[in-house]
Each structure stands twice: as structure tokens, then as C-alpha cells.
PDB file of N, CA and C in Angstrom:
ATOM      1  N   MET A   1      22.598 179.695-118.419  1.00  0.00           N
ATOM      2  CA  MET A   1      21.617 179.295-117.150  1.00  0.00           C
ATOM      3  C   MET A   1      22.632 178.032-116.393  1.00  0.00           C
ATOM      4  N   ASN A   2      22.315 177.824-115.159  1.00  0.00           N
ATOM      5  CA  ASN A   2      23.058 177.237-114.501  1.00  0.00           C
ATOM      6  C   ASN A   2      22.003 175.907-114.185  1.00  0.00           C
ATOM      7  N   PHE A   3      21.916 174.739-114.491  1.00  0.00           N
ATOM      8  CA  PHE A   3      21.067 173.408-114.065  1.00  0.00           C
ATOM      9  C   PHE A   3      21.472 172.992-113.126  1.00  0.00           C
ATOM     10  N   ASN A   4      20.284 173.414-112.335  1.00  0.00           N
ATOM     11  CA  ASN A   4      20.624 172.070-110.683  1.00  0.00           C
ATOM     12  C   ASN A   4      19.960 170.649-110.961  1.00  0.00           C
ATOM     13  N   LEU A   5      21.517 170.009-110.579  1.00  0.00           N
ATOM     14  CA  LEU A   5      20.728 168.334-110.524  1.00  0.00           C
ATOM     15  C   LEU A   5      20.782 167.922-108.961  1.00  0.00           C
ATOM     16  N   THR A   6      21.126 168.954-108.144  1.00  0.00           N
ATOM     17  CA  THR A   6      21.091 168.669-106.600  1.00  0.00           C
ATOM     18  C   THR A   6      19.428 168.249-105.832  1.00  0.00           C
ATOM     19  N   THR A   7      18.837 168.955-106.297  1.00  0.00           N
ATOM     20  CA  THR A   7      17.843 169.041-105.553  1.00  0.00           C
ATOM     21  C   THR A   7      16.801 168.159-106.120  1.00  0.00           C
ATOM     22  N   THR A   8      15.469 168.534-106.903  1.00  0.00           N
ATOM     23  CA  THR A   8      14.654 167.511-107.193  1.00  0.00           C
ATOM     24  C   THR A   8      14.589 166.796-108.624  1.00  0.00           C
ATOM     25  N   ASN A   9      16.010 166.981-108.919  1.00  0.00           N
ATOM     26  CA  ASN A   9      16.265 166.129-109.946  1.00  0.00           C
ATOM     27  C   ASN A   9      17.136 165.244-109.896  1.00  0.00           C
ATOM     28  N   ILE A  10      17.527 165.015-108.720  1.00  0.00           N
ATOM     29  CA  ILE A  10      18.663 164.389-108.408  1.00  0.00           C
ATOM     30  C   ILE A  10      18.537 162.712-109.320  1.00  0.00           C
ATOM     31  N   ASP A  11      17.699 162.554-109.108  1.00  0.00           N
ATOM     32  CA  ASP A  11      17.426 161.013-109.662  1.00  0.00           C
ATOM     33  C   ASP A  11      16.692 161.008-111.095  1.00  0.00           C
ATOM     34  N   LYS A  12      17.043 161.929-111.676  1.00  0.00           N
ATOM     35  CA  LYS A  12      16.395 161.803-113.437  1.00  0.00           C
ATOM     36  C   LYS A  12      18.220 161.696-114.427  1.00  0.00           C
ATOM     37  N   THR A  13      17.666 161.146-115.825  1.00  0.00           N
ATOM     38  CA  THR A  13      18.655 161.024-116.097  1.00  0.00           C
ATOM     39  C   THR A  13      18.202 162.009-117.704  1.00  0.00           C
ATOM     40  N   ILE A  14      17.015 161.722-118.223  1.00  0.00           N
ATOM     41  CA  ILE A  14      16.620 162.457-119.405  1.00  0.00           C
ATOM     42  C   ILE A  14      16.182 163.639-118.590  1.00  0.00           C
ATOM     43  N   PHE A  15      16.159 165.018-119.398  1.00  0.00           N
ATOM     44  CA  PHE A  15      15.296 165.876-119.420  1.00  0.00           C
ATOM     45  C   PHE A  15      14.970 166.326-120.417  1.00  0.00           C
ATOM     46  N   LEU A  16      13.520 166.291-120.760  1.00  0.00           N
ATOM     47  CA  LEU A  16      12.911 167.419-121.687  1.00  0.00           C
ATOM     48  C   LEU A  16      12.539 168.318-121.555  1.00  0.00           C
ATOM     49  N   LEU A  17      13.068 168.923-122.470  1.00  0.00           N
ATOM     50  CA  LEU A  17      13.001 170.776-122.500  1.00  0.00           C
ATOM     51  C   LEU A  17      11.938 170.920-123.569  1.00  0.00           C
ATOM     52  N   GLU A  18      11.210 172.168-123.274  1.00  0.00           N
ATOM     53  CA  GLU A  18       9.663 172.407-123.906  1.00  0.00           C
ATOM     54  C   GLU A  18       9.875 173.826-123.288  1.00  0.00           C
ATOM     55  N   GLN A  19       9.166 174.578-124.293  1.00  0.00           N
ATOM     56  CA  GLN A  19       8.855 176.100-124.492  1.00  0.00           C
ATOM     57  C   GLN A  19       7.380 176.288-123.623  1.00  0.00           C
ATOM     58  N   ASP A  20       7.195 177.317-122.526  1.00  0.00           N
ATOM     59  CA  ASP A  20       5.839 177.820-122.677  1.00  0.00           C
ATOM     60  C   ASP A  20       5.255 178.699-123.405  1.00  0.00           C
ATOM     61  N   SER A  21       5.932 179.076-124.387  1.00  0.00           N
ATOM     62  CA  SER A  21       5.019 180.328-125.277  1.00  0.00           C
ATOM     63  C   SER A  21       5.686 179.718-126.898  1.00  0.00           C
ATOM     64  N   GLY A  22       5.166 180.650-127.412  1.00  0.00           N
ATOM     65  CA  GLY A  22       5.812 180.548-129.395  1.00  0.00           C
ATOM     66  C   GLY A  22       6.744 180.961-129.640  1.00  0.00           C
ATOM     67  N   GLY A  23       7.058 180.939-130.704  1.00  0.00           N
ATOM     68  CA  GLY A  23       8.441 181.653-131.462  1.00  0.00           C
ATOM     69  C   GLY A  23       9.413 180.541-131.162  1.00  0.00           C
ATOM     70  N   ALA A  24      10.745 180.787-132.267  1.00  0.00           N
ATOM     71  CA  ALA A  24      12.450 180.170-131.791  1.00  0.00           C
ATOM     72  C   ALA A  24      12.714 180.401-130.668  1.00  0.00           C
ATOM     73  N   GLN A  25      13.126 179.387-129.807  1.00  0.00           N
ATOM     74  CA  GLN A  25      14.050 180.387-128.593  1.00  0.00           C
ATOM     75  C   GLN A  25      15.131 179.142-128.219  1.00  0.00           C
ATOM     76  N   THR A  26      16.087 179.561-127.845  1.00  0.00           N
ATOM     77  CA  THR A  26      17.122 178.725-127.299  1.00  0.00           C
ATOM     78  C   THR A  26      17.381 178.725-125.784  1.00  0.00           C
ATOM     79  N   VAL A  27      17.757 177.602-125.704  1.00  0.00           N
ATOM     80  CA  VAL A  27      18.234 177.657-124.013  1.00  0.00           C
ATOM     81  C   VAL A  27      19.542 177.448-123.899  1.00  0.00           C
ATOM     82  N   THR A  28      20.247 178.007-122.852  1.00  0.00           N
ATOM     83  CA  THR A  28      21.834 178.303-123.379  1.00  0.00           C
ATOM     84  C   THR A  28      22.041 177.897-121.953  1.00  0.00           C
ATOM     85  N   PHE A  29      23.067 176.185-121.804  1.00  0.00           N
ATOM     86  CA  PHE A  29      23.527 176.150-120.356  1.00  0.00           C
ATOM     87  C   PHE A  29      25.108 176.662-120.572  1.00  0.00           C
ATOM     88  N   THR A  30      25.586 176.987-119.396  1.00  0.00           N
ATOM     89  CA  THR A  30      26.617 177.232-118.966  1.00  0.00           C
ATOM     90  C   THR A  30      27.503 176.511-118.273  1.00  0.00           C
ATOM     91  N   GLY A  31      26.531 175.263-117.246  1.00  0.00           N
ATOM     92  CA  GLY A  31      27.122 174.852-116.334  1.00  0.00           C
ATOM     93  C   GLY A  31      26.034 173.725-116.009  1.00  0.00           C
ATOM     94  N   ILE A  32      26.075 172.703-115.103  1.00  0.00           N
ATOM     95  CA  ILE A  32      25.118 171.855-114.893  1.00  0.00           C
ATOM     96  C   ILE A  32      25.856 171.657-113.001  1.00  0.00           C
ATOM     97  N   ALA A  33      25.253 171.620-112.216  1.00  0.00           N
ATOM     98  CA  ALA A  33      24.995 171.225-110.516  1.00  0.00           C
ATOM     99  C   ALA A  33      24.728 170.050-110.367  1.00  0.00           C
ATOM    100  N   GLY A  34      25.519 169.506-109.353  1.00  0.00           N
ATOM    101  CA  GLY A  34      25.078 168.228-109.100  1.00  0.00           C
ATOM    102  C   GLY A  34      25.875 167.055-109.983  1.00  0.00           C
ATOM    103  N   GLY A  35      27.134 167.222-110.316  1.00  0.00           N
ATOM    104  CA  GLY A  35      28.001 166.644-110.845  1.00  0.00           C
ATOM    105  C   GLY A  35      28.814 165.300-110.272  1.00  0.00           C
ATOM    106  N   VAL A  36      28.663 164.153-110.350  1.00  0.00           N
ATOM    107  CA  VAL A  36      29.007 163.028-109.468  1.00  0.00           C
ATOM    108  C   VAL A  36      29.898 161.988-110.724  1.00  0.00           C
ATOM    109  N   ASP A  37      31.012 161.753-109.724  1.00  0.00           N
ATOM    110  CA  ASP A  37      31.679 160.803-111.270  1.00  0.00           C
ATOM    111  C   ASP A  37      30.605 159.703-111.741  1.00  0.00           C
ATOM    112  N   GLY A  38      30.720 159.831-112.920  1.00  0.00           N
ATOM    113  CA  GLY A  38      29.847 158.619-114.005  1.00  0.00           C
ATOM    114  C   GLY A  38      28.444 158.810-114.160  1.00  0.00           C
ATOM    115  N   ARG A  39      28.163 160.171-113.375  1.00  0.00           N
ATOM    116  CA  ARG A  39      26.618 160.268-113.561  1.00  0.00           C
ATOM    117  C   ARG A  39      26.647 161.353-114.952  1.00  0.00           C
ATOM    118  N   TYR A  40      25.382 160.482-115.865  1.00  0.00           N
ATOM    119  CA  TYR A  40      25.119 160.091-117.354  1.00  0.00           C
ATOM    120  C   TYR A  40      23.658 161.160-117.231  1.00  0.00           C
ATOM    121  N   ILE A  41      23.679 162.251-118.162  1.00  0.00           N
ATOM    122  CA  ILE A  41      22.572 162.826-118.425  1.00  0.00           C
ATOM    123  C   ILE A  41      22.076 162.760-119.910  1.00  0.00           C
ATOM    124  N   ILE A  42      21.045 163.059-120.470  1.00  0.00           N
ATOM    125  CA  ILE A  42      20.667 163.077-121.945  1.00  0.00           C
ATOM    126  C   ILE A  42      19.828 164.953-121.654  1.00  0.00           C
ATOM    127  N   LEU A  43      19.814 165.770-122.416  1.00  0.00           N
ATOM    128  CA  LEU A  43      19.294 166.627-122.411  1.00  0.00           C
ATOM    129  C   LEU A  43      18.843 166.770-123.795  1.00  0.00           C
ATOM    130  N   TYR A  44      16.898 166.760-124.298  1.00  0.00           N
ATOM    131  CA  TYR A  44      16.692 166.437-125.289  1.00  0.00           C
ATOM    132  C   TYR A  44      15.573 168.122-125.448  1.00  0.00           C
ATOM    133  N   SER A  45      15.664 168.454-126.476  1.00  0.00           N
ATOM    134  CA  SER A  45      14.577 169.383-126.921  1.00  0.00           C
ATOM    135  C   SER A  45      13.247 168.940-127.531  1.00  0.00           C
ATOM    136  N   ASN A  46      12.286 168.769-127.004  1.00  0.00           N
ATOM    137  CA  ASN A  46      11.119 167.999-127.167  1.00  0.00           C
ATOM    138  C   ASN A  46      10.008 169.115-127.695  1.00  0.00           C
ATOM    139  N   ASP A  47      10.543 170.231-128.612  1.00  0.00           N
ATOM    140  CA  ASP A  47       9.934 170.757-128.797  1.00  0.00           C
ATOM    141  C   ASP A  47      10.474 171.607-130.610  1.00  0.00           C
ATOM    142  N   ALA A  48       9.472 172.138-131.490  1.00  0.00           N
ATOM    143  CA  ALA A  48       9.479 171.987-132.780  1.00  0.00           C
ATOM    144  C   ALA A  48      10.413 173.346-132.775  1.00  0.00           C
ATOM    145  N   ASN A  49      10.194 174.155-131.709  1.00  0.00           N
ATOM    146  CA  ASN A  49      10.736 175.688-131.541  1.00  0.00           C
ATOM    147  C   ASN A  49      12.220 175.864-130.652  1.00  0.00           C
ATOM    148  N   LEU A  50      12.518 174.686-130.250  1.00  0.00           N
ATOM    149  CA  LEU A  50      13.027 175.260-129.175  1.00  0.00           C
ATOM    150  C   LEU A  50      14.682 174.043-129.506  1.00  0.00           C
ATOM    151  N   GLY A  51      15.789 175.222-129.402  1.00  0.00           N
ATOM    152  CA  GLY A  51      17.217 174.885-129.672  1.00  0.00           C
ATOM    153  C   GLY A  51      17.521 174.406-128.000  1.00  0.00           C
ATOM    154  N   ILE A  52      18.899 173.798-128.335  1.00  0.00           N
ATOM    155  CA  ILE A  52      19.813 173.655-126.831  1.00  0.00           C
ATOM    156  C   ILE A  52      21.686 174.341-127.346  1.00  0.00           C
ATOM    157  N   THR A  53      21.874 175.156-126.748  1.00  0.00           N
ATOM    158  CA  THR A  53      23.150 175.820-126.567  1.00  0.00           C
ATOM    159  C   THR A  53      24.546 175.363-125.236  1.00  0.00           C
ATOM    160  N   LEU A  54      25.249 174.460-125.655  1.00  0.00           N
ATOM    161  CA  LEU A  54      25.746 174.206-124.538  1.00  0.00           C
ATOM    162  C   LEU A  54      26.911 175.110-124.805  1.00  0.00           C
ATOM    163  N   ILE A  55      27.963 176.174-123.913  1.00  0.00           N
ATOM    164  CA  ILE A  55      28.966 176.970-123.976  1.00  0.00           C
ATOM    165  C   ILE A  55      29.975 176.172-122.787  1.00  0.00           C
ATOM    166  N   GLY A  56      31.012 176.014-123.202  1.00  0.00           N
ATOM    167  CA  GLY A  56      32.051 175.253-122.632  1.00  0.00           C
ATOM    168  C   GLY A  56      33.208 176.220-122.068  1.00  0.00           C
ATOM    169  N   GLU A  57      33.272 175.672-120.784  1.00  0.00           N
ATOM    170  CA  GLU A  57      34.130 176.109-119.964  1.00  0.00           C
ATOM    171  C   GLU A  57      33.770 177.850-119.785  1.00  0.00           C
ATOM    172  N   ASN A  58      32.536 178.268-119.399  1.00  0.00           N
ATOM    173  CA  ASN A  58      32.156 179.303-119.007  1.00  0.00           C
ATOM    174  C   ASN A  58      32.065 179.704-117.643  1.00  0.00           C
ATOM    175  N   GLY A  59      32.776 181.400-117.349  1.00  0.00           N
ATOM    176  CA  GLY A  59      32.809 181.568-116.277  1.00  0.00           C
ATOM    177  C   GLY A  59      31.657 181.886-115.570  1.00  0.00           C
ATOM    178  N   ALA A  60      30.243 181.902-116.362  1.00  0.00           N
ATOM    179  CA  ALA A  60      29.452 182.140-115.141  1.00  0.00           C
ATOM    180  C   ALA A  60      28.519 180.859-114.253  1.00  0.00           C
ATOM    181  N   SER A  61      29.698 179.987-114.630  1.00  0.00           N
ATOM    182  CA  SER A  61      29.497 178.637-113.753  1.00  0.00           C
ATOM    183  C   SER A  61      30.738 178.253-113.045  1.00  0.00           C
ATOM    184  N   THR A  62      30.233 178.001-111.998  1.00  0.00           N
ATOM    185  CA  THR A  62      31.401 177.449-111.131  1.00  0.00           C
ATOM    186  C   THR A  62      32.347 176.397-112.133  1.00  0.00           C
ATOM    187  N   ALA A  63      33.751 176.341-111.409  1.00  0.00           N
ATOM    188  CA  ALA A  63      34.739 175.449-112.466  1.00  0.00           C
ATOM    189  C   ALA A  63      34.092 174.109-112.019  1.00  0.00           C
ATOM    190  N   ALA A  64      33.703 173.632-111.042  1.00  0.00           N
ATOM    191  CA  ALA A  64      32.818 172.415-110.841  1.00  0.00           C
ATOM    192  C   ALA A  64      31.855 171.590-112.074  1.00  0.00           C
ATOM    193  N   ASN A  65      30.954 172.780-112.194  1.00  0.00           N
ATOM    194  CA  ASN A  65      29.772 172.929-112.945  1.00  0.00           C
ATOM    195  C   ASN A  65      30.097 172.655-114.542  1.00  0.00           C
ATOM    196  N   ARG A  66      31.218 173.621-114.963  1.00  0.00           N
ATOM    197  CA  ARG A  66      31.035 173.334-116.350  1.00  0.00           C
ATOM    198  C   ARG A  66      31.358 172.170-117.331  1.00  0.00           C
ATOM    199  N   ILE A  67      31.007 172.929-118.501  1.00  0.00           N
ATOM    200  CA  ILE A  67      30.870 171.733-119.934  1.00  0.00           C
ATOM    201  C   ILE A  67      31.969 172.103-120.285  1.00  0.00           C
ATOM    202  N   THR A  68      33.296 170.828-120.561  1.00  0.00           N
ATOM    203  CA  THR A  68      34.161 170.873-121.661  1.00  0.00           C
ATOM    204  C   THR A  68      33.321 170.999-122.858  1.00  0.00           C
ATOM    205  N   VAL A  69      33.804 171.246-124.079  1.00  0.00           N
ATOM    206  CA  VAL A  69      33.116 171.275-125.615  1.00  0.00           C
ATOM    207  C   VAL A  69      34.247 171.051-126.240  1.00  0.00           C
ATOM    208  N   GLY A  70      34.629 169.705-126.795  1.00  0.00           N
ATOM    209  CA  GLY A  70      35.816 169.782-127.649  1.00  0.00           C
ATOM    210  C   GLY A  70      36.708 170.287-127.107  1.00  0.00           C
ATOM    211  N   SER A  71      37.660 170.864-127.386  1.00  0.00           N
ATOM    212  CA  SER A  71      39.059 171.606-126.887  1.00  0.00           C
ATOM    213  C   SER A  71      38.851 172.240-125.544  1.00  0.00           C
ATOM    214  N   GLY A  72      37.675 172.037-125.428  1.00  0.00           N
ATOM    215  CA  GLY A  72      37.385 172.920-123.989  1.00  0.00           C
ATOM    216  C   GLY A  72      36.595 173.920-124.145  1.00  0.00           C
ATOM    217  N   THR A  73      36.684 175.262-124.808  1.00  0.00           N
ATOM    218  CA  THR A  73      35.911 176.236-124.854  1.00  0.00           C
ATOM    219  C   THR A  73      34.878 176.048-125.965  1.00  0.00           C
ATOM    220  N   GLY A  74      34.180 177.429-126.395  1.00  0.00           N
ATOM    221  CA  GLY A  74      33.511 177.116-127.896  1.00  0.00           C
ATOM    222  C   GLY A  74      31.874 176.823-127.331  1.00  0.00           C
ATOM    223  N   SER A  75      31.432 176.262-128.591  1.00  0.00           N
ATOM    224  CA  SER A  75      29.998 175.577-127.742  1.00  0.00           C
ATOM    225  C   SER A  75      29.241 174.958-128.666  1.00  0.00           C
ATOM    226  N   VAL A  76      28.267 174.170-128.250  1.00  0.00           N
ATOM    227  CA  VAL A  76      27.697 173.472-129.372  1.00  0.00           C
ATOM    228  C   VAL A  76      26.101 173.447-129.042  1.00  0.00           C
ATOM    229  N   ASN A  77      25.447 173.555-130.140  1.00  0.00           N
ATOM    230  CA  ASN A  77      24.063 173.496-130.648  1.00  0.00           C
ATOM    231  C   ASN A  77      23.475 172.604-131.085  1.00  0.00           C
ATOM    232  N   VAL A  78      22.067 172.194-130.137  1.00  0.00           N
ATOM    233  CA  VAL A  78      21.460 171.240-130.873  1.00  0.00           C
ATOM    234  C   VAL A  78      20.061 171.775-131.091  1.00  0.00           C
ATOM    235  N   THR A  79      19.784 171.144-132.527  1.00  0.00           N
ATOM    236  CA  THR A  79      18.442 171.615-132.542  1.00  0.00           C
ATOM    237  C   THR A  79      17.137 171.285-132.553  1.00  0.00           C
ATOM    238  N   ASN A  80      15.691 171.165-132.820  1.00  0.00           N
ATOM    239  CA  ASN A  80      14.747 171.133-132.481  1.00  0.00           C
ATOM    240  C   ASN A  80      14.355 169.376-132.425  1.00  0.00           C
ATOM    241  N   TYR A  81      13.432 168.257-131.462  1.00  0.00           N
ATOM    242  CA  TYR A  81      13.747 167.245-131.315  1.00  0.00           C
ATOM    243  C   TYR A  81      14.628 166.636-131.555  1.00  0.00           C
ATOM    244  N   SER A  82      15.992 166.959-130.988  1.00  0.00           N
ATOM    245  CA  SER A  82      17.247 166.052-130.999  1.00  0.00           C
ATOM    246  C   SER A  82      17.798 166.464-129.432  1.00  0.00           C
ATOM    247  N   SER A  83      18.653 165.485-129.327  1.00  0.00           N
ATOM    248  CA  SER A  83      19.848 165.193-127.716  1.00  0.00           C
ATOM    249  C   SER A  83      20.875 165.372-127.867  1.00  0.00           C
ATOM    250  N   ILE A  84      21.385 165.471-126.740  1.00  0.00           N
ATOM    251  CA  ILE A  84      23.158 165.952-126.436  1.00  0.00           C
ATOM    252  C   ILE A  84      23.160 164.817-124.903  1.00  0.00           C
ATOM    253  N   SER A  85      23.812 164.011-124.915  1.00  0.00           N
ATOM    254  CA  SER A  85      24.230 163.206-123.643  1.00  0.00           C
ATOM    255  C   SER A  85      25.625 163.529-122.863  1.00  0.00           C
ATOM    256  N   LEU A  86      25.443 163.839-121.715  1.00  0.00           N
ATOM    257  CA  LEU A  86      26.707 164.191-121.117  1.00  0.00           C
ATOM    258  C   LEU A  86      27.123 163.736-119.695  1.00  0.00           C
ATOM    259  N   LEU A  87      28.303 163.326-119.823  1.00  0.00           N
ATOM    260  CA  LEU A  87      28.987 162.573-118.814  1.00  0.00           C
ATOM    261  C   LEU A  87      29.503 163.178-117.715  1.00  0.00           C
ATOM    262  N   TYR A  88      29.701 163.270-116.437  1.00  0.00           N
ATOM    263  CA  TYR A  88      30.682 164.095-115.351  1.00  0.00           C
ATOM    264  C   TYR A  88      31.707 163.051-115.133  1.00  0.00           C
ATOM    265  N   VAL A  89      32.769 163.376-115.273  1.00  0.00           N
ATOM    266  CA  VAL A  89      34.425 162.973-115.395  1.00  0.00           C
ATOM    267  C   VAL A  89      35.033 163.738-113.848  1.00  0.00           C
ATOM    268  N   GLY A  90      35.084 162.745-112.647  1.00  0.00           N
ATOM    269  CA  GLY A  90      35.309 163.316-111.253  1.00  0.00           C
ATOM    270  C   GLY A  90      36.852 164.018-111.486  1.00  0.00           C
ATOM    271  N   SER A  91      37.363 163.424-112.391  1.00  0.00           N
ATOM    272  CA  SER A  91      39.099 163.316-112.114  1.00  0.00           C
ATOM    273  C   SER A  91      39.625 164.581-112.670  1.00  0.00           C
ATOM    274  N   ILE A  92      38.541 165.157-113.400  1.00  0.00           N
ATOM    275  CA  ILE A  92      38.694 166.958-114.036  1.00  0.00           C
ATOM    276  C   ILE A  92      37.259 167.804-114.020  1.00  0.00           C
ATOM    277  N   SER A  93      36.821 167.341-112.958  1.00  0.00           N
ATOM    278  CA  SER A  93      35.576 167.843-112.375  1.00  0.00           C
ATOM    279  C   SER A  93      34.639 168.896-113.518  1.00  0.00           C
ATOM    280  N   ARG A  94      34.549 167.891-114.509  1.00  0.00           N
ATOM    281  CA  ARG A  94      33.452 168.903-115.711  1.00  0.00           C
ATOM    282  C   ARG A  94      33.222 167.795-116.205  1.00  0.00           C
ATOM    283  N   TRP A  95      31.689 168.201-117.009  1.00  0.00           N
ATOM    284  CA  TRP A  95      30.749 167.679-118.124  1.00  0.00           C
ATOM    285  C   TRP A  95      31.343 167.064-119.409  1.00  0.00           C
ATOM    286  N   ILE A  96      31.448 166.164-119.750  1.00  0.00           N
ATOM    287  CA  ILE A  96      31.931 166.126-121.183  1.00  0.00           C
ATOM    288  C   ILE A  96      30.989 165.658-122.049  1.00  0.00           C
ATOM    289  N   ILE A  97      30.803 166.022-123.423  1.00  0.00           N
ATOM    290  CA  ILE A  97      29.374 165.560-124.041  1.00  0.00           C
ATOM    291  C   ILE A  97      30.047 164.223-125.135  1.00  0.00           C
ATOM    292  N   ILE A  98      29.384 163.159-124.557  1.00  0.00           N
ATOM    293  CA  ILE A  98      29.452 162.355-125.464  1.00  0.00           C
ATOM    294  C   ILE A  98      28.857 161.495-126.654  1.00  0.00           C
ATOM    295  N   ASP A  99      27.798 162.418-126.861  1.00  0.00           N
ATOM    296  CA  ASP A  99      27.051 161.936-127.914  1.00  0.00           C
ATOM    297  C   ASP A  99      26.137 163.154-128.336  1.00  0.00           C
ATOM    298  N   LYS A 100      25.840 163.564-129.552  1.00  0.00           N
ATOM    299  CA  LYS A 100      25.024 164.398-130.140  1.00  0.00           C
ATOM    300  C   LYS A 100      24.151 163.727-131.221  1.00  0.00           C
ATOM    301  N   ASN A 101      22.722 163.461-130.632  1.00  0.00           N
ATOM    302  CA  ASN A 101      21.941 163.306-132.131  1.00  0.00           C
ATOM    303  C   ASN A 101      21.013 164.043-132.589  1.00  0.00           C
ATOM    304  N   ILE A 102      21.389 164.750-133.732  1.00  0.00           N
ATOM    305  CA  ILE A 102      20.564 165.575-134.426  1.00  0.00           C
ATOM    306  C   ILE A 102      19.294 165.073-135.533  1.00  0.00           C
ATOM    307  N   ASN A 103      18.171 165.525-135.368  1.00  0.00           N
ATOM    308  CA  ASN A 103      17.301 164.905-135.825  1.00  0.00           C
ATOM    309  C   ASN A 103      17.083 165.765-137.043  1.00  0.00           C
TER     310      ASN A 103
END
């Protein structure tokens, strides 16, 4: 999923992610549009059956929307009722993970 912060979400910092139907699911992010230097966001799984996965340097997103995970590639998983914080660094045109809170 490419998450877009340039339209209705431009003024938001915390995003509560919930699912519409039952059963365990995972929402996967390959990039986040709308990054500007210093922008800080929190993705929070507000559902007992919803996990979050961030995939680093994935070609499904344009370069400026990509997420750097650890050394760059790979993925990070967040379980239900947990959060992950990201910061956009303009000098590298990437989102970086700055905190991960596992419940």
C-alpha cells in the first residue's frame, strides 16, 4: 500500500488502523506519500487482529516515498495494539523508523 499524506491527511500525525471484517490481517506499507523534512507520524494498530508491516526500499513506491528499514531493505512487523513512529528526512528523501512500541 502507498499511503498518501498530501490530501485529506496532511494535518494528521497519528493514524489509527482498523479493519472492517473479522479474522487476522496485516496491512503492508511500501511507501508514504507527502513526506516533508521533519514530518513525524505514528501508525497505530487499533485492532486485536490487525498487524502492520513496513517494507524497506520497495520498488512499488516512488523513491521519495520509500521507507528505510534498518540498513535499508527488509521489513519490520508491528503486532496488534502496537505502534511505529516514522520521521521524514529530506536530505535522503526517505521515511526512517525512529521508534517501535510493541504491546
